[in-house]
PDB file of all heavy atoms in Angstrom:
ATOM      1  N   ALA A   1       9.490  73.788  44.975  1.00  0.00           N
ATOM      2  CA  ALA A   1       9.377  74.477  46.307  1.00  0.00           C
ATOM      3  C   ALA A   1       9.993  75.900  46.298  1.00  0.00           C
ATOM      4  O   ALA A   1       9.336  76.837  46.820  1.00  0.00           O
ATOM      5  CB  ALA A   1       9.992  73.617  47.334  1.00  0.00           C
ATOM      6  N   ALA A   2      11.164  76.052  45.728  1.00  0.00           N
ATOM      7  CA  ALA A   2      11.788  77.361  45.620  1.00  0.00           C
ATOM      8  C   ALA A   2      10.962  78.264  44.748  1.00  0.00           C
ATOM      9  O   ALA A   2      10.763  79.470  45.137  1.00  0.00           O
ATOM     10  CB  ALA A   2      13.145  77.173  45.068  1.00  0.00           C
ATOM     11  N   GLU A   3      10.349  77.824  43.727  1.00  0.00           N
ATOM     12  CA  GLU A   3       9.526  78.598  42.830  1.00  0.00           C
ATOM     13  C   GLU A   3       8.198  79.119  43.587  1.00  0.00           C
ATOM     14  O   GLU A   3       7.893  80.274  43.605  1.00  0.00           O
ATOM     15  CB  GLU A   3       9.101  77.850  41.560  1.00  0.00           C
ATOM     16  CG  GLU A   3       8.146  78.511  40.675  1.00  0.00           C
ATOM     17  CD  GLU A   3       7.703  77.691  39.542  1.00  0.00           C
ATOM     18  OE1 GLU A   3       8.357  76.709  39.262  1.00  0.00           O
ATOM     19  OE2 GLU A   3       6.559  77.983  38.957  1.00  0.00           O
ATOM     20  N   LEU A   4       7.628  78.158  44.296  1.00  0.00           N
ATOM     21  CA  LEU A   4       6.394  78.426  44.990  1.00  0.00           C
ATOM     22  C   LEU A   4       6.752  79.471  46.218  1.00  0.00           C
ATOM     23  O   LEU A   4       5.817  80.291  46.483  1.00  0.00           O
ATOM     24  CB  LEU A   4       5.780  77.184  45.614  1.00  0.00           C
ATOM     25  CG  LEU A   4       5.147  76.215  44.628  1.00  0.00           C
ATOM     26  CD1 LEU A   4       4.714  75.060  45.279  1.00  0.00           C
ATOM     27  CD2 LEU A   4       4.012  76.874  43.804  1.00  0.00           C
ATOM     28  N   ALA A   5       7.815  79.273  46.854  1.00  0.00           N
ATOM     29  CA  ALA A   5       8.134  80.122  47.899  1.00  0.00           C
ATOM     30  C   ALA A   5       8.292  81.680  47.478  1.00  0.00           C
ATOM     31  O   ALA A   5       7.854  82.463  48.191  1.00  0.00           O
ATOM     32  CB  ALA A   5       9.468  79.725  48.541  1.00  0.00           C
ATOM     33  N   SER A   6       8.744  81.878  46.325  1.00  0.00           N
ATOM     34  CA  SER A   6       8.873  83.250  45.818  1.00  0.00           C
ATOM     35  C   SER A   6       7.548  83.836  45.212  1.00  0.00           C
ATOM     36  O   SER A   6       7.318  85.006  45.346  1.00  0.00           O
ATOM     37  CB  SER A   6       9.993  83.294  44.724  1.00  0.00           C
ATOM     38  OG  SER A   6       9.633  82.500  43.616  1.00  0.00           O
ATOM     39  N   ILE A   7       6.749  82.885  44.683  1.00  0.00           N
ATOM     40  CA  ILE A   7       5.476  83.414  44.016  1.00  0.00           C
ATOM     41  C   ILE A   7       4.324  83.366  45.012  1.00  0.00           C
ATOM     42  O   ILE A   7       3.605  84.342  45.143  1.00  0.00           O
ATOM     43  CB  ILE A   7       5.180  82.469  42.793  1.00  0.00           C
ATOM     44  CG1 ILE A   7       6.283  82.565  41.749  1.00  0.00           C
ATOM     45  CG2 ILE A   7       3.873  82.850  42.239  1.00  0.00           C
ATOM     46  CD1 ILE A   7       6.165  81.620  40.596  1.00  0.00           C
ATOM     47  N   ASP A   8       4.104  82.244  45.597  1.00  0.00           N
ATOM     48  CA  ASP A   8       2.920  82.073  46.427  1.00  0.00           C
ATOM     49  C   ASP A   8       3.098  82.301  47.941  1.00  0.00           C
ATOM     50  O   ASP A   8       2.170  82.302  48.786  1.00  0.00           O
ATOM     51  CB  ASP A   8       2.361  80.635  46.308  1.00  0.00           C
ATOM     52  CG  ASP A   8       1.724  80.438  44.878  1.00  0.00           C
ATOM     53  OD1 ASP A   8       1.383  81.465  44.260  1.00  0.00           O
ATOM     54  OD2 ASP A   8       1.729  79.273  44.512  1.00  0.00           O
ATOM     55  N   GLN A   9       4.365  82.546  48.423  1.00  0.00           N
ATOM     56  CA  GLN A   9       4.797  82.746  49.802  1.00  0.00           C
ATOM     57  C   GLN A   9       4.138  81.631  50.660  1.00  0.00           C
ATOM     58  O   GLN A   9       3.502  81.843  51.612  1.00  0.00           O
ATOM     59  CB  GLN A   9       4.294  84.136  50.241  1.00  0.00           C
ATOM     60  CG  GLN A   9       4.861  85.280  49.517  1.00  0.00           C
ATOM     61  CD  GLN A   9       4.436  86.610  50.025  1.00  0.00           C
ATOM     62  OE1 GLN A   9       3.266  86.770  50.380  1.00  0.00           O
ATOM     63  NE2 GLN A   9       5.238  87.587  49.893  1.00  0.00           N
ATOM     64  N   VAL A  10       4.399  80.398  50.260  1.00  0.00           N
ATOM     65  CA  VAL A  10       3.964  79.318  50.956  1.00  0.00           C
ATOM     66  C   VAL A  10       5.149  78.641  51.677  1.00  0.00           C
ATOM     67  O   VAL A  10       6.236  78.574  51.155  1.00  0.00           O
ATOM     68  CB  VAL A  10       3.248  78.278  50.076  1.00  0.00           C
ATOM     69  CG1 VAL A  10       4.223  77.675  49.018  1.00  0.00           C
ATOM     70  CG2 VAL A  10       2.645  77.152  50.915  1.00  0.00           C
ATOM     71  N   VAL A  11       4.986  78.153  52.866  1.00  0.00           N
ATOM     72  CA  VAL A  11       6.026  77.493  53.686  1.00  0.00           C
ATOM     73  C   VAL A  11       5.650  76.021  53.696  1.00  0.00           C
ATOM     74  O   VAL A  11       4.530  75.632  54.004  1.00  0.00           O
ATOM     75  CB  VAL A  11       6.114  78.043  55.068  1.00  0.00           C
ATOM     76  CG1 VAL A  11       7.091  77.175  55.917  1.00  0.00           C
ATOM     77  CG2 VAL A  11       6.492  79.516  55.113  1.00  0.00           C
ATOM     78  N   ILE A  12       6.636  75.159  53.405  1.00  0.00           N
ATOM     79  CA  ILE A  12       6.382  73.698  53.295  1.00  0.00           C
ATOM     80  C   ILE A  12       7.151  73.044  54.469  1.00  0.00           C
ATOM     81  O   ILE A  12       8.446  73.089  54.557  1.00  0.00           O
ATOM     82  CB  ILE A  12       6.793  73.095  51.958  1.00  0.00           C
ATOM     83  CG1 ILE A  12       5.985  73.862  50.902  1.00  0.00           C
ATOM     84  CG2 ILE A  12       6.503  71.641  51.973  1.00  0.00           C
ATOM     85  CD1 ILE A  12       6.453  73.452  49.431  1.00  0.00           C
ATOM     86  N   HIS A  13       6.486  72.357  55.302  1.00  0.00           N
ATOM     87  CA  HIS A  13       7.138  71.507  56.357  1.00  0.00           C
ATOM     88  C   HIS A  13       7.144  70.034  55.881  1.00  0.00           C
ATOM     89  O   HIS A  13       6.032  69.550  55.459  1.00  0.00           O
ATOM     90  CB  HIS A  13       6.422  71.590  57.620  1.00  0.00           C
ATOM     91  CG  HIS A  13       6.497  72.980  58.258  1.00  0.00           C
ATOM     92  ND1 HIS A  13       7.506  73.586  58.677  1.00  0.00           N
ATOM     93  CD2 HIS A  13       5.417  73.826  58.377  1.00  0.00           C
ATOM     94  CE1 HIS A  13       7.219  74.856  59.037  1.00  0.00           C
ATOM     95  NE2 HIS A  13       5.950  75.056  58.935  1.00  0.00           N
ATOM     96  N   THR A  14       8.192  69.317  55.930  1.00  0.00           N
ATOM     97  CA  THR A  14       8.157  68.001  55.445  1.00  0.00           C
ATOM     98  C   THR A  14       8.574  66.979  56.549  1.00  0.00           C
ATOM     99  O   THR A  14       9.232  67.355  57.485  1.00  0.00           O
ATOM    100  CB  THR A  14       9.215  67.797  54.242  1.00  0.00           C
ATOM    101  OG1 THR A  14      10.470  68.201  54.740  1.00  0.00           O
ATOM    102  CG2 THR A  14       8.830  68.589  53.045  1.00  0.00           C
ATOM    103  N   ILE A  15       7.952  65.800  56.456  1.00  0.00           N
ATOM    104  CA  ILE A  15       8.210  64.755  57.446  1.00  0.00           C
ATOM    105  C   ILE A  15       8.536  63.457  56.701  1.00  0.00           C
ATOM    106  O   ILE A  15       7.810  62.955  55.820  1.00  0.00           O
ATOM    107  CB  ILE A  15       6.919  64.487  58.299  1.00  0.00           C
ATOM    108  CG1 ILE A  15       6.521  65.818  59.049  1.00  0.00           C
ATOM    109  CG2 ILE A  15       7.187  63.330  59.319  1.00  0.00           C
ATOM    110  CD1 ILE A  15       5.232  65.721  59.694  1.00  0.00           C
ATOM    111  N   GLY A  16       9.753  62.931  57.008  1.00  0.00           N
ATOM    112  CA  GLY A  16      10.133  61.673  56.400  1.00  0.00           C
ATOM    113  C   GLY A  16       9.762  60.451  57.257  1.00  0.00           C
ATOM    114  O   GLY A  16      10.371  60.327  58.436  1.00  0.00           O
ATOM    115  N   LEU A  17       8.873  59.609  56.774  1.00  0.00           N
ATOM    116  CA  LEU A  17       8.471  58.465  57.582  1.00  0.00           C
ATOM    117  C   LEU A  17       9.349  57.214  57.210  1.00  0.00           C
ATOM    118  O   LEU A  17       9.185  56.587  56.169  1.00  0.00           O
ATOM    119  CB  LEU A  17       7.023  58.196  57.238  1.00  0.00           C
ATOM    120  CG  LEU A  17       6.346  57.020  58.013  1.00  0.00           C
ATOM    121  CD1 LEU A  17       6.429  57.251  59.479  1.00  0.00           C
ATOM    122  CD2 LEU A  17       4.942  56.837  57.527  1.00  0.00           C
ATOM    123  N   ASP A  18      10.359  56.939  58.166  1.00  0.00           N
ATOM    124  CA  ASP A  18      11.231  55.797  57.962  1.00  0.00           C
ATOM    125  C   ASP A  18      11.917  55.898  56.632  1.00  0.00           C
ATOM    126  O   ASP A  18      11.944  54.878  55.889  1.00  0.00           O
ATOM    127  CB  ASP A  18      10.383  54.576  58.114  1.00  0.00           C
ATOM    128  CG  ASP A  18      11.309  53.276  58.423  1.00  0.00           C
ATOM    129  OD1 ASP A  18      12.348  53.485  58.979  1.00  0.00           O
ATOM    130  OD2 ASP A  18      10.873  52.167  58.112  1.00  0.00           O
ATOM    131  N   VAL A  19      12.594  56.966  56.305  1.00  0.00           N
ATOM    132  CA  VAL A  19      13.102  57.239  54.990  1.00  0.00           C
ATOM    133  C   VAL A  19      14.624  56.868  54.945  1.00  0.00           C
ATOM    134  O   VAL A  19      15.345  56.801  55.928  1.00  0.00           O
ATOM    135  CB  VAL A  19      12.952  58.633  54.514  1.00  0.00           C
ATOM    136  CG1 VAL A  19      11.415  58.963  54.358  1.00  0.00           C
ATOM    137  CG2 VAL A  19      13.657  59.625  55.535  1.00  0.00           C
ATOM    138  N   ASP A  20      15.115  56.699  53.635  1.00  0.00           N
ATOM    139  CA  ASP A  20      16.604  56.490  53.518  1.00  0.00           C
ATOM    140  C   ASP A  20      17.258  57.829  53.272  1.00  0.00           C
ATOM    141  O   ASP A  20      16.497  58.898  53.275  1.00  0.00           O
ATOM    142  CB  ASP A  20      16.840  55.536  52.384  1.00  0.00           C
ATOM    143  CG  ASP A  20      16.334  55.942  51.009  1.00  0.00           C
ATOM    144  OD1 ASP A  20      16.012  57.244  50.859  1.00  0.00           O
ATOM    145  OD2 ASP A  20      16.028  55.191  50.168  1.00  0.00           O
ATOM    146  N   ASP A  21      18.534  57.882  53.118  1.00  0.00           N
ATOM    147  CA  ASP A  21      19.259  59.103  52.955  1.00  0.00           C
ATOM    148  C   ASP A  21      18.865  59.954  51.773  1.00  0.00           C
ATOM    149  O   ASP A  21      18.707  61.125  51.803  1.00  0.00           O
ATOM    150  CB  ASP A  21      20.733  58.759  52.820  1.00  0.00           C
ATOM    151  CG  ASP A  21      21.387  58.236  54.146  1.00  0.00           C
ATOM    152  OD1 ASP A  21      20.709  58.477  55.199  1.00  0.00           O
ATOM    153  OD2 ASP A  21      22.473  57.687  54.175  1.00  0.00           O
ATOM    154  N   GLY A  22      18.573  59.245  50.623  1.00  0.00           N
ATOM    155  CA  GLY A  22      18.202  59.998  49.413  1.00  0.00           C
ATOM    156  C   GLY A  22      16.863  60.720  49.673  1.00  0.00           C
ATOM    157  O   GLY A  22      16.719  61.876  49.296  1.00  0.00           O
ATOM    158  N   ALA A  23      15.849  60.093  50.140  1.00  0.00           N
ATOM    159  CA  ALA A  23      14.540  60.616  50.397  1.00  0.00           C
ATOM    160  C   ALA A  23      14.755  61.777  51.479  1.00  0.00           C
ATOM    161  O   ALA A  23      14.117  62.808  51.325  1.00  0.00           O
ATOM    162  CB  ALA A  23      13.526  59.614  50.876  1.00  0.00           C
ATOM    163  N   ARG A  24      15.446  61.577  52.450  1.00  0.00           N
ATOM    164  CA  ARG A  24      15.653  62.542  53.572  1.00  0.00           C
ATOM    165  C   ARG A  24      16.297  63.799  52.931  1.00  0.00           C
ATOM    166  O   ARG A  24      15.822  64.928  53.211  1.00  0.00           O
ATOM    167  CB  ARG A  24      16.652  61.991  54.584  1.00  0.00           C
ATOM    168  CG  ARG A  24      16.833  63.059  55.810  1.00  0.00           C
ATOM    169  CD  ARG A  24      17.679  62.467  56.878  1.00  0.00           C
ATOM    170  NE  ARG A  24      17.070  61.323  57.517  1.00  0.00           N
ATOM    171  CZ  ARG A  24      17.441  60.114  57.364  1.00  0.00           C
ATOM    172  NH1 ARG A  24      18.517  59.728  56.477  1.00  0.00           N
ATOM    173  NH2 ARG A  24      16.903  59.185  57.979  1.00  0.00           N
ATOM    174  N   ALA A  25      17.255  63.745  52.055  1.00  0.00           N
ATOM    175  CA  ALA A  25      17.929  64.854  51.433  1.00  0.00           C
ATOM    176  C   ALA A  25      16.869  65.648  50.575  1.00  0.00           C
ATOM    177  O   ALA A  25      16.816  66.856  50.546  1.00  0.00           O
ATOM    178  CB  ALA A  25      19.050  64.436  50.572  1.00  0.00           C
ATOM    179  N   GLN A  26      16.030  65.007  49.872  1.00  0.00           N
ATOM    180  CA  GLN A  26      15.071  65.618  49.038  1.00  0.00           C
ATOM    181  C   GLN A  26      14.064  66.384  49.851  1.00  0.00           C
ATOM    182  O   GLN A  26      13.681  67.529  49.568  1.00  0.00           O
ATOM    183  CB  GLN A  26      14.380  64.670  48.080  1.00  0.00           C
ATOM    184  CG  GLN A  26      13.420  65.357  46.994  1.00  0.00           C
ATOM    185  CD  GLN A  26      12.798  64.337  46.019  1.00  0.00           C
ATOM    186  OE1 GLN A  26      11.824  63.727  46.393  1.00  0.00           O
ATOM    187  NE2 GLN A  26      13.443  64.192  44.923  1.00  0.00           N
ATOM    188  N   LEU A  27      13.484  65.698  50.865  1.00  0.00           N
ATOM    189  CA  LEU A  27      12.465  66.310  51.769  1.00  0.00           C
ATOM    190  C   LEU A  27      13.093  67.487  52.481  1.00  0.00           C
ATOM    191  O   LEU A  27      12.396  68.539  52.738  1.00  0.00           O
ATOM    192  CB  LEU A  27      11.888  65.288  52.712  1.00  0.00           C
ATOM    193  CG  LEU A  27      11.086  64.156  52.018  1.00  0.00           C
ATOM    194  CD1 LEU A  27      10.798  63.073  53.072  1.00  0.00           C
ATOM    195  CD2 LEU A  27       9.846  64.665  51.387  1.00  0.00           C
ATOM    196  N   GLN A  28      14.333  67.355  52.881  1.00  0.00           N
ATOM    197  CA  GLN A  28      15.022  68.500  53.620  1.00  0.00           C
ATOM    198  C   GLN A  28      15.121  69.649  52.659  1.00  0.00           C
ATOM    199  O   GLN A  28      14.898  70.871  53.061  1.00  0.00           O
ATOM    200  CB  GLN A  28      16.354  67.979  54.082  1.00  0.00           C
ATOM    201  CG  GLN A  28      17.203  69.062  54.813  1.00  0.00           C
ATOM    202  CD  GLN A  28      16.750  69.373  56.198  1.00  0.00           C
ATOM    203  OE1 GLN A  28      16.875  68.533  57.032  1.00  0.00           O
ATOM    204  NE2 GLN A  28      16.232  70.524  56.443  1.00  0.00           N
ATOM    205  N   CYS A  29      15.466  69.393  51.428  1.00  0.00           N
ATOM    206  CA  CYS A  29      15.655  70.461  50.385  1.00  0.00           C
ATOM    207  C   CYS A  29      14.256  71.168  50.184  1.00  0.00           C
ATOM    208  O   CYS A  29      14.313  72.437  50.078  1.00  0.00           O
ATOM    209  CB  CYS A  29      16.113  69.902  49.106  1.00  0.00           C
ATOM    210  SG  CYS A  29      16.464  71.136  47.795  1.00  0.00           S
ATOM    211  N   ILE A  30      13.262  70.526  50.030  1.00  0.00           N
ATOM    212  CA  ILE A  30      11.912  71.071  49.885  1.00  0.00           C
ATOM    213  C   ILE A  30      11.634  72.007  51.090  1.00  0.00           C
ATOM    214  O   ILE A  30      11.222  73.196  50.847  1.00  0.00           O
ATOM    215  CB  ILE A  30      10.859  69.980  49.808  1.00  0.00           C
ATOM    216  CG1 ILE A  30      11.021  69.200  48.561  1.00  0.00           C
ATOM    217  CG2 ILE A  30       9.440  70.609  49.848  1.00  0.00           C
ATOM    218  CD1 ILE A  30      10.143  67.939  48.572  1.00  0.00           C
TER     219      ILE A  30
END
């Protein structure tokens, strides 16, 4: 995601569907 943001100028919105803490942290990071 960090690479794409600098190269392609794309914004990523993420939605966690009934996720645990690990998945939430990864989706938040993206």
